[in-house]
Amino acid sequence: MPLLSTFYGILLYMYWLDTKQHNLPHIHAEYAEHEAVFAIEDGELLDGDMPRRQTRLIQAWIELHREELMAAWSLAVRGEAIFKIEPLR
């Protein structure tokens, strides 16, 4: 699972060829013992749990990088290498 970005202890990943699990563009997030899946389109929490503060940080990051995330999603579903995306600062 390629790492997209990391900031404030949050790790963000995108699985290769992961269209069956959630069937829409999404990212996987890890923070401490929490794991969650967020939609790229609107930042909605699709699965898992994440503390409120980290959820807001992830959603802000998605908003800032939506176009890059969609480009990475297009690569990932074709099994191609994705690129790193700038962290939230």
PDB file of N, CA and C in Angstrom:
ATOM      1  N   MET A   1       0.869  -1.172   0.000  1.00  0.00           N
ATOM      2  CA  MET A   1       0.000   0.000   0.000  1.00  0.00           C
ATOM      3  C   MET A   1       0.907   1.224   0.000  1.00  0.00           C
ATOM      4  N   PRO A   2       0.960   1.955  -1.107  1.00  0.00           N
ATOM      5  CA  PRO A   2       1.839   3.121  -1.210  1.00  0.00           C
ATOM      6  C   PRO A   2       1.410   4.273  -0.295  1.00  0.00           C
ATOM      7  N   LEU A   3       2.395   4.875   0.343  1.00  0.00           N
ATOM      8  CA  LEU A   3       2.171   6.026   1.214  1.00  0.00           C
ATOM      9  C   LEU A   3       2.044   7.281   0.364  1.00  0.00           C
ATOM     10  N   LEU A   4       0.927   7.990   0.526  1.00  0.00           N
ATOM     11  CA  LEU A   4       0.695   9.251  -0.199  1.00  0.00           C
ATOM     12  C   LEU A   4       1.329  10.432   0.517  1.00  0.00           C
ATOM     13  N   SER A   5       1.088  10.494   1.823  1.00  0.00           N
ATOM     14  CA  SER A   5       1.536  11.641   2.592  1.00  0.00           C
ATOM     15  C   SER A   5       1.488  11.301   4.076  1.00  0.00           C
ATOM     16  N   THR A   6       2.186  12.085   4.864  1.00  0.00           N
ATOM     17  CA  THR A   6       2.148  11.941   6.312  1.00  0.00           C
ATOM     18  C   THR A   6       2.286  13.315   6.951  1.00  0.00           C
ATOM     19  N   PHE A   7       1.479  13.580   7.960  1.00  0.00           N
ATOM     20  CA  PHE A   7       1.547  14.840   8.702  1.00  0.00           C
ATOM     21  C   PHE A   7       0.862  14.668  10.044  1.00  0.00           C
ATOM     22  N   TYR A   8       1.395  15.334  11.058  1.00  0.00           N
ATOM     23  CA  TYR A   8       0.827  15.326  12.410  1.00  0.00           C
ATOM     24  C   TYR A   8       0.515  13.914  12.909  1.00  0.00           C
ATOM     25  N   GLY A   9       1.368  12.955  12.576  1.00  0.00           N
ATOM     26  CA  GLY A   9       1.172  11.583  13.017  1.00  0.00           C
ATOM     27  C   GLY A   9       0.160  10.793  12.207  1.00  0.00           C
ATOM     28  N   ILE A  10      -0.390  11.392  11.168  1.00  0.00           N
ATOM     29  CA  ILE A  10      -1.380  10.740  10.298  1.00  0.00           C
ATOM     30  C   ILE A  10      -0.656  10.183   9.077  1.00  0.00           C
ATOM     31  N   LEU A  11      -0.925   8.933   8.760  1.00  0.00           N
ATOM     32  CA  LEU A  11      -0.374   8.300   7.560  1.00  0.00           C
ATOM     33  C   LEU A  11      -1.508   8.097   6.570  1.00  0.00           C
ATOM     34  N   LEU A  12      -1.304   8.530   5.330  1.00  0.00           N
ATOM     35  CA  LEU A  12      -2.335   8.420   4.293  1.00  0.00           C
ATOM     36  C   LEU A  12      -1.834   7.544   3.161  1.00  0.00           C
ATOM     37  N   TYR A  13      -2.653   6.553   2.808  1.00  0.00           N
ATOM     38  CA  TYR A  13      -2.290   5.553   1.806  1.00  0.00           C
ATOM     39  C   TYR A  13      -3.349   5.458   0.714  1.00  0.00           C
ATOM     40  N   MET A  14      -2.919   4.878  -0.410  1.00  0.00           N
ATOM     41  CA  MET A  14      -3.861   4.528  -1.459  1.00  0.00           C
ATOM     42  C   MET A  14      -3.495   3.123  -1.921  1.00  0.00           C
ATOM     43  N   TYR A  15      -4.438   2.206  -1.824  1.00  0.00           N
ATOM     44  CA  TYR A  15      -4.208   0.836  -2.265  1.00  0.00           C
ATOM     45  C   TYR A  15      -4.206   0.761  -3.779  1.00  0.00           C
ATOM     46  N   TRP A  16      -3.408  -0.145  -4.308  1.00  0.00           N
ATOM     47  CA  TRP A  16      -3.397  -0.419  -5.741  1.00  0.00           C
ATOM     48  C   TRP A  16      -4.603  -1.265  -6.071  1.00  0.00           C
ATOM     49  N   LEU A  17      -5.261  -0.986  -7.149  1.00  0.00           N
ATOM     50  CA  LEU A  17      -6.383  -1.794  -7.644  1.00  0.00           C
ATOM     51  C   LEU A  17      -7.458  -2.012  -6.586  1.00  0.00           C
ATOM     52  N   ASP A  18      -7.754  -1.002  -5.787  1.00  0.00           N
ATOM     53  CA  ASP A  18      -8.717  -1.116  -4.686  1.00  0.00           C
ATOM     54  C   ASP A  18     -10.052  -0.504  -5.089  1.00  0.00           C
ATOM     55  N   THR A  19     -10.731  -1.112  -6.055  1.00  0.00           N
ATOM     56  CA  THR A  19     -12.034  -0.602  -6.472  1.00  0.00           C
ATOM     57  C   THR A  19     -13.172  -1.466  -5.960  1.00  0.00           C
ATOM     58  N   LYS A  20     -12.874  -2.638  -5.473  1.00  0.00           N
ATOM     59  CA  LYS A  20     -13.922  -3.536  -5.016  1.00  0.00           C
ATOM     60  C   LYS A  20     -14.384  -3.229  -3.604  1.00  0.00           C
ATOM     61  N   GLN A  21     -13.459  -2.777  -2.745  1.00  0.00           N
ATOM     62  CA  GLN A  21     -13.810  -2.566  -1.349  1.00  0.00           C
ATOM     63  C   GLN A  21     -14.825  -1.445  -1.160  1.00  0.00           C
ATOM     64  N   HIS A  22     -14.606  -0.310  -1.779  1.00  0.00           N
ATOM     65  CA  HIS A  22     -15.478   0.844  -1.539  1.00  0.00           C
ATOM     66  C   HIS A  22     -16.112   1.381  -2.816  1.00  0.00           C
ATOM     67  N   ASN A  23     -15.609   0.980  -3.967  1.00  0.00           N
ATOM     68  CA  ASN A  23     -16.193   1.293  -5.266  1.00  0.00           C
ATOM     69  C   ASN A  23     -16.247   2.776  -5.606  1.00  0.00           C
ATOM     70  N   LEU A  24     -15.485   3.607  -4.937  1.00  0.00           N
ATOM     71  CA  LEU A  24     -15.355   4.999  -5.329  1.00  0.00           C
ATOM     72  C   LEU A  24     -13.978   5.471  -4.893  1.00  0.00           C
ATOM     73  N   PRO A  25     -13.459   6.548  -5.492  1.00  0.00           N
ATOM     74  CA  PRO A  25     -12.124   7.025  -5.142  1.00  0.00           C
ATOM     75  C   PRO A  25     -12.020   7.343  -3.647  1.00  0.00           C
ATOM     76  N   HIS A  26     -10.993   6.792  -3.009  1.00  0.00           N
ATOM     77  CA  HIS A  26     -10.852   6.959  -1.563  1.00  0.00           C
ATOM     78  C   HIS A  26      -9.399   6.796  -1.139  1.00  0.00           C
ATOM     79  N   ILE A  27      -9.126   7.195   0.093  1.00  0.00           N
ATOM     80  CA  ILE A  27      -7.810   6.994   0.693  1.00  0.00           C
ATOM     81  C   ILE A  27      -7.994   6.302   2.036  1.00  0.00           C
ATOM     82  N   HIS A  28      -6.929   5.672   2.489  1.00  0.00           N
ATOM     83  CA  HIS A  28      -6.903   5.013   3.786  1.00  0.00           C
ATOM     84  C   HIS A  28      -6.028   5.853   4.716  1.00  0.00           C
ATOM     85  N   ALA A  29      -6.492   6.034   5.950  1.00  0.00           N
ATOM     86  CA  ALA A  29      -5.764   6.838   6.932  1.00  0.00           C
ATOM     87  C   ALA A  29      -5.504   6.021   8.183  1.00  0.00           C
ATOM     88  N   GLU A  30      -4.326   6.232   8.767  1.00  0.00           N
ATOM     89  CA  GLU A  30      -3.975   5.620  10.036  1.00  0.00           C
ATOM     90  C   GLU A  30      -3.476   6.703  10.974  1.00  0.00           C
ATOM     91  N   TYR A  31      -3.905   6.614  12.204  1.00  0.00           N
ATOM     92  CA  TYR A  31      -3.430   7.517  13.242  1.00  0.00           C
ATOM     93  C   TYR A  31      -3.490   6.746  14.555  1.00  0.00           C
ATOM     94  N   ALA A  32      -2.332   6.538  15.189  1.00  0.00           N
ATOM     95  CA  ALA A  32      -2.250   5.737  16.408  1.00  0.00           C
ATOM     96  C   ALA A  32      -2.953   4.407  16.161  1.00  0.00           C
ATOM     97  N   GLU A  33      -3.933   4.059  16.990  1.00  0.00           N
ATOM     98  CA  GLU A  33      -4.648   2.792  16.814  1.00  0.00           C
ATOM     99  C   GLU A  33      -5.871   2.914  15.907  1.00  0.00           C
ATOM    100  N   HIS A  34      -6.085   4.066  15.323  1.00  0.00           N
ATOM    101  CA  HIS A  34      -7.261   4.322  14.486  1.00  0.00           C
ATOM    102  C   HIS A  34      -6.949   4.088  13.011  1.00  0.00           C
ATOM    103  N   GLU A  35      -7.928   3.534  12.308  1.00  0.00           N
ATOM    104  CA  GLU A  35      -7.847   3.359  10.860  1.00  0.00           C
ATOM    105  C   GLU A  35      -9.180   3.776  10.256  1.00  0.00           C
ATOM    106  N   ALA A  36      -9.127   4.464   9.120  1.00  0.00           N
ATOM    107  CA  ALA A  36     -10.358   4.938   8.489  1.00  0.00           C
ATOM    108  C   ALA A  36     -10.157   5.058   6.984  1.00  0.00           C
ATOM    109  N   VAL A  37     -11.267   5.139   6.287  1.00  0.00           N
ATOM    110  CA  VAL A  37     -11.279   5.320   4.840  1.00  0.00           C
ATOM    111  C   VAL A  37     -12.113   6.567   4.546  1.00  0.00           C
ATOM    112  N   PHE A  38     -11.577   7.457   3.696  1.00  0.00           N
ATOM    113  CA  PHE A  38     -12.235   8.716   3.351  1.00  0.00           C
ATOM    114  C   PHE A  38     -12.438   8.819   1.845  1.00  0.00           C
ATOM    115  N   ALA A  39     -13.591   9.302   1.434  1.00  0.00           N
ATOM    116  CA  ALA A  39     -13.878   9.548   0.017  1.00  0.00           C
ATOM    117  C   ALA A  39     -13.074  10.754  -0.454  1.00  0.00           C
ATOM    118  N   ILE A  40     -12.532  10.659  -1.645  1.00  0.00           N
ATOM    119  CA  ILE A  40     -11.790  11.784  -2.211  1.00  0.00           C
ATOM    120  C   ILE A  40     -12.753  12.891  -2.650  1.00  0.00           C
ATOM    121  N   GLU A  41     -13.884  12.523  -3.164  1.00  0.00           N
ATOM    122  CA  GLU A  41     -14.825  13.506  -3.712  1.00  0.00           C
ATOM    123  C   GLU A  41     -15.265  14.546  -2.691  1.00  0.00           C
ATOM    124  N   ASP A  42     -15.613  14.111  -1.485  1.00  0.00           N
ATOM    125  CA  ASP A  42     -16.147  15.055  -0.496  1.00  0.00           C
ATOM    126  C   ASP A  42     -15.543  14.914   0.899  1.00  0.00           C
ATOM    127  N   GLY A  43     -14.552  14.031   1.076  1.00  0.00           N
ATOM    128  CA  GLY A  43     -13.914  13.860   2.372  1.00  0.00           C
ATOM    129  C   GLY A  43     -14.738  13.075   3.372  1.00  0.00           C
ATOM    130  N   GLU A  44     -15.849  12.492   2.935  1.00  0.00           N
ATOM    131  CA  GLU A  44     -16.723  11.746   3.842  1.00  0.00           C
ATOM    132  C   GLU A  44     -15.994  10.531   4.416  1.00  0.00           C
ATOM    133  N   LEU A  45     -16.208  10.286   5.707  1.00  0.00           N
ATOM    134  CA  LEU A  45     -15.690   9.103   6.362  1.00  0.00           C
ATOM    135  C   LEU A  45     -16.529   7.909   5.897  1.00  0.00           C
ATOM    136  N   LEU A  46     -15.908   6.966   5.184  1.00  0.00           N
ATOM    137  CA  LEU A  46     -16.626   5.832   4.618  1.00  0.00           C
ATOM    138  C   LEU A  46     -16.608   4.611   5.525  1.00  0.00           C
ATOM    139  N   ASP A  47     -15.528   4.455   6.273  1.00  0.00           N
ATOM    140  CA  ASP A  47     -15.366   3.260   7.075  1.00  0.00           C
ATOM    141  C   ASP A  47     -14.324   3.532   8.164  1.00  0.00           C
ATOM    142  N   GLY A  48     -14.441   2.827   9.272  1.00  0.00           N
ATOM    143  CA  GLY A  48     -13.463   2.935  10.338  1.00  0.00           C
ATOM    144  C   GLY A  48     -13.774   4.066  11.305  1.00  0.00           C
ATOM    145  N   ASP A  49     -12.754   4.408  12.092  1.00  0.00           N
ATOM    146  CA  ASP A  49     -12.923   5.500  13.052  1.00  0.00           C
ATOM    147  C   ASP A  49     -11.645   6.314  13.119  1.00  0.00           C
ATOM    148  N   MET A  50     -11.824   7.577  13.427  1.00  0.00           N
ATOM    149  CA  MET A  50     -10.717   8.518  13.511  1.00  0.00           C
ATOM    150  C   MET A  50     -11.138   9.618  14.480  1.00  0.00           C
ATOM    151  N   PRO A  51     -10.231  10.071  15.360  1.00  0.00           N
ATOM    152  CA  PRO A  51     -10.595  11.187  16.245  1.00  0.00           C
ATOM    153  C   PRO A  51     -11.038  12.414  15.433  1.00  0.00           C
ATOM    154  N   ARG A  52     -11.884  13.209  16.045  1.00  0.00           N
ATOM    155  CA  ARG A  52     -12.465  14.368  15.351  1.00  0.00           C
ATOM    156  C   ARG A  52     -11.413  15.325  14.801  1.00  0.00           C
ATOM    157  N   ARG A  53     -10.392  15.650  15.595  1.00  0.00           N
ATOM    158  CA  ARG A  53      -9.356  16.595  15.140  1.00  0.00           C
ATOM    159  C   ARG A  53      -8.638  16.054  13.905  1.00  0.00           C
ATOM    160  N   GLN A  54      -8.249  14.790  13.940  1.00  0.00           N
ATOM    161  CA  GLN A  54      -7.543  14.193  12.811  1.00  0.00           C
ATOM    162  C   GLN A  54      -8.469  14.070  11.595  1.00  0.00           C
ATOM    163  N   THR A  55      -9.733  13.784  11.830  1.00  0.00           N
ATOM    164  CA  THR A  55     -10.696  13.731  10.723  1.00  0.00           C
ATOM    165  C   THR A  55     -10.748  15.073  10.012  1.00  0.00           C
ATOM    166  N   ARG A  56     -10.808  16.151  10.771  1.00  0.00           N
ATOM    167  CA  ARG A  56     -10.858  17.485  10.152  1.00  0.00           C
ATOM    168  C   ARG A  56      -9.582  17.815   9.387  1.00  0.00           C
ATOM    169  N   LEU A  57      -8.427  17.402   9.940  1.00  0.00           N
ATOM    170  CA  LEU A  57      -7.163  17.633   9.246  1.00  0.00           C
ATOM    171  C   LEU A  57      -7.122  16.863   7.930  1.00  0.00           C
ATOM    172  N   ILE A  58      -7.551  15.617   7.957  1.00  0.00           N
ATOM    173  CA  ILE A  58      -7.574  14.794   6.743  1.00  0.00           C
ATOM    174  C   ILE A  58      -8.526  15.396   5.712  1.00  0.00           C
ATOM    175  N   GLN A  59      -9.691  15.816   6.148  1.00  0.00           N
ATOM    176  CA  GLN A  59     -10.662  16.406   5.221  1.00  0.00           C
ATOM    177  C   GLN A  59     -10.139  17.707   4.614  1.00  0.00           C
ATOM    178  N   ALA A  60      -9.429  18.507   5.394  1.00  0.00           N
ATOM    179  CA  ALA A  60      -8.834  19.739   4.863  1.00  0.00           C
ATOM    180  C   ALA A  60      -7.764  19.400   3.824  1.00  0.00           C
ATOM    181  N   TRP A  61      -6.949  18.392   4.111  1.00  0.00           N
ATOM    182  CA  TRP A  61      -5.906  17.965   3.183  1.00  0.00           C
ATOM    183  C   TRP A  61      -6.525  17.457   1.885  1.00  0.00           C
ATOM    184  N   ILE A  62      -7.581  16.664   1.991  1.00  0.00           N
ATOM    185  CA  ILE A  62      -8.279  16.173   0.793  1.00  0.00           C
ATOM    186  C   ILE A  62      -8.781  17.349  -0.043  1.00  0.00           C
ATOM    187  N   GLU A  63      -9.383  18.331   0.602  1.00  0.00           N
ATOM    188  CA  GLU A  63      -9.902  19.509  -0.102  1.00  0.00           C
ATOM    189  C   GLU A  63      -8.788  20.225  -0.872  1.00  0.00           C
ATOM    190  N   LEU A  64      -7.627  20.374  -0.240  1.00  0.00           N
ATOM    191  CA  LEU A  64      -6.510  21.076  -0.865  1.00  0.00           C
ATOM    192  C   LEU A  64      -5.886  20.291  -2.023  1.00  0.00           C
ATOM    193  N   HIS A  65      -5.961  18.979  -1.970  1.00  0.00           N
ATOM    194  CA  HIS A  65      -5.238  18.142  -2.933  1.00  0.00           C
ATOM    195  C   HIS A  65      -6.144  17.232  -3.758  1.00  0.00           C
ATOM    196  N   ARG A  66      -7.408  17.597  -3.891  1.00  0.00           N
ATOM    197  CA  ARG A  66      -8.372  16.730  -4.582  1.00  0.00           C
ATOM    198  C   ARG A  66      -7.931  16.367  -6.004  1.00  0.00           C
ATOM    199  N   GLU A  67      -7.455  17.326  -6.768  1.00  0.00           N
ATOM    200  CA  GLU A  67      -7.049  17.033  -8.148  1.00  0.00           C
ATOM    201  C   GLU A  67      -5.878  16.062  -8.188  1.00  0.00           C
ATOM    202  N   GLU A  68      -4.901  16.260  -7.319  1.00  0.00           N
ATOM    203  CA  GLU A  68      -3.753  15.348  -7.257  1.00  0.00           C
ATOM    204  C   GLU A  68      -4.199  13.953  -6.818  1.00  0.00           C
ATOM    205  N   LEU A  69      -5.123  13.906  -5.861  1.00  0.00           N
ATOM    206  CA  LEU A  69      -5.631  12.624  -5.381  1.00  0.00           C
ATOM    207  C   LEU A  69      -6.358  11.865  -6.489  1.00  0.00           C
ATOM    208  N   MET A  70      -7.142  12.574  -7.279  1.00  0.00           N
ATOM    209  CA  MET A  70      -7.852  11.917  -8.375  1.00  0.00           C
ATOM    210  C   MET A  70      -6.866  11.409  -9.435  1.00  0.00           C
ATOM    211  N   ALA A  71      -5.809  12.159  -9.682  1.00  0.00           N
ATOM    212  CA  ALA A  71      -4.781  11.702 -10.622  1.00  0.00           C
ATOM    213  C   ALA A  71      -4.090  10.451 -10.079  1.00  0.00           C
ATOM    214  N   ALA A  72      -3.788  10.443  -8.794  1.00  0.00           N
ATOM    215  CA  ALA A  72      -3.167   9.269  -8.168  1.00  0.00           C
ATOM    216  C   ALA A  72      -4.126   8.083  -8.203  1.00  0.00           C
ATOM    217  N   TRP A  73      -5.419   8.329  -7.972  1.00  0.00           N
ATOM    218  CA  TRP A  73      -6.419   7.257  -8.020  1.00  0.00           C
ATOM    219  C   TRP A  73      -6.448   6.625  -9.417  1.00  0.00           C
ATOM    220  N   SER A  74      -6.421   7.446 -10.439  1.00  0.00           N
ATOM    221  CA  SER A  74      -6.425   6.929 -11.813  1.00  0.00           C
ATOM    222  C   SER A  74      -5.224   6.019 -12.063  1.00  0.00           C
ATOM    223  N   LEU A  75      -4.084   6.388 -11.553  1.00  0.00           N
ATOM    224  CA  LEU A  75      -2.898   5.543 -11.686  1.00  0.00           C
ATOM    225  C   LEU A  75      -3.049   4.253 -10.885  1.00  0.00           C
ATOM    226  N   ALA A  76      -3.502   4.378  -9.652  1.00  0.00           N
ATOM    227  CA  ALA A  76      -3.588   3.223  -8.751  1.00  0.00           C
ATOM    228  C   ALA A  76      -4.539   2.152  -9.273  1.00  0.00           C
ATOM    229  N   VAL A  77      -5.685   2.551  -9.801  1.00  0.00           N
ATOM    230  CA  VAL A  77      -6.640   1.544 -10.277  1.00  0.00           C
ATOM    231  C   VAL A  77      -6.148   0.830 -11.544  1.00  0.00           C
ATOM    232  N   ARG A  78      -5.153   1.410 -12.196  1.00  0.00           N
ATOM    233  CA  ARG A  78      -4.532   0.742 -13.351  1.00  0.00           C
ATOM    234  C   ARG A  78      -3.300  -0.049 -12.931  1.00  0.00           C
ATOM    235  N   GLY A  79      -3.000  -0.025 -11.619  1.00  0.00           N
ATOM    236  CA  GLY A  79      -1.842  -0.757 -11.114  1.00  0.00           C
ATOM    237  C   GLY A  79      -0.527  -0.049 -11.345  1.00  0.00           C
ATOM    238  N   GLU A  80      -0.575   1.250 -11.626  1.00  0.00           N
ATOM    239  CA  GLU A  80       0.638   2.016 -11.873  1.00  0.00           C
ATOM    240  C   GLU A  80       1.095   2.709 -10.603  1.00  0.00           C
ATOM    241  N   ALA A  81       2.359   3.074 -10.556  1.00  0.00           N
ATOM    242  CA  ALA A  81       2.932   3.736  -9.383  1.00  0.00           C
ATOM    243  C   ALA A  81       2.287   5.104  -9.170  1.00  0.00           C
ATOM    244  N   ILE A  82       1.998   5.411  -7.924  1.00  0.00           N
ATOM    245  CA  ILE A  82       1.459   6.731  -7.591  1.00  0.00           C
ATOM    246  C   ILE A  82       2.581   7.612  -7.045  1.00  0.00           C
ATOM    247  N   PHE A  83       2.279   8.868  -6.850  1.00  0.00           N
ATOM    248  CA  PHE A  83       3.275   9.845  -6.413  1.00  0.00           C
ATOM    249  C   PHE A  83       2.920  10.363  -5.015  1.00  0.00           C
ATOM    250  N   LYS A  84       3.911  10.867  -4.317  1.00  0.00           N
ATOM    251  CA  LYS A  84       3.698  11.475  -2.997  1.00  0.00           C
ATOM    252  C   LYS A  84       2.997  12.826  -3.184  1.00  0.00           C
ATOM    253  N   ILE A  85       2.221  13.209  -2.170  1.00  0.00           N
ATOM    254  CA  ILE A  85       1.515  14.482  -2.185  1.00  0.00           C
ATOM    255  C   ILE A  85       1.956  15.263  -0.951  1.00  0.00           C
ATOM    256  N   GLU A  86       2.144  16.555  -1.124  1.00  0.00           N
ATOM    257  CA  GLU A  86       2.607  17.424  -0.032  1.00  0.00           C
ATOM    258  C   GLU A  86       1.754  17.257   1.224  1.00  0.00           C
ATOM    259  N   PRO A  87       2.401  17.262   2.377  1.00  0.00           N
ATOM    260  CA  PRO A  87       1.643  17.163   3.628  1.00  0.00           C
ATOM    261  C   PRO A  87       0.944  18.479   3.970  1.00  0.00           C
ATOM    262  N   LEU A  88       0.037  18.387   4.914  1.00  0.00           N
ATOM    263  CA  LEU A  88      -0.621  19.577   5.449  1.00  0.00           C
ATOM    264  C   LEU A  88       0.376  20.282   6.342  1.00  0.00           C
ATOM    265  N   ARG A  89       0.500  21.569   6.194  1.00  0.00           N
ATOM    266  CA  ARG A  89       1.470  22.335   7.013  1.00  0.00           C
ATOM    267  C   ARG A  89       0.746  23.348   7.850  1.00  0.00           C
TER     268      ARG A  89
END
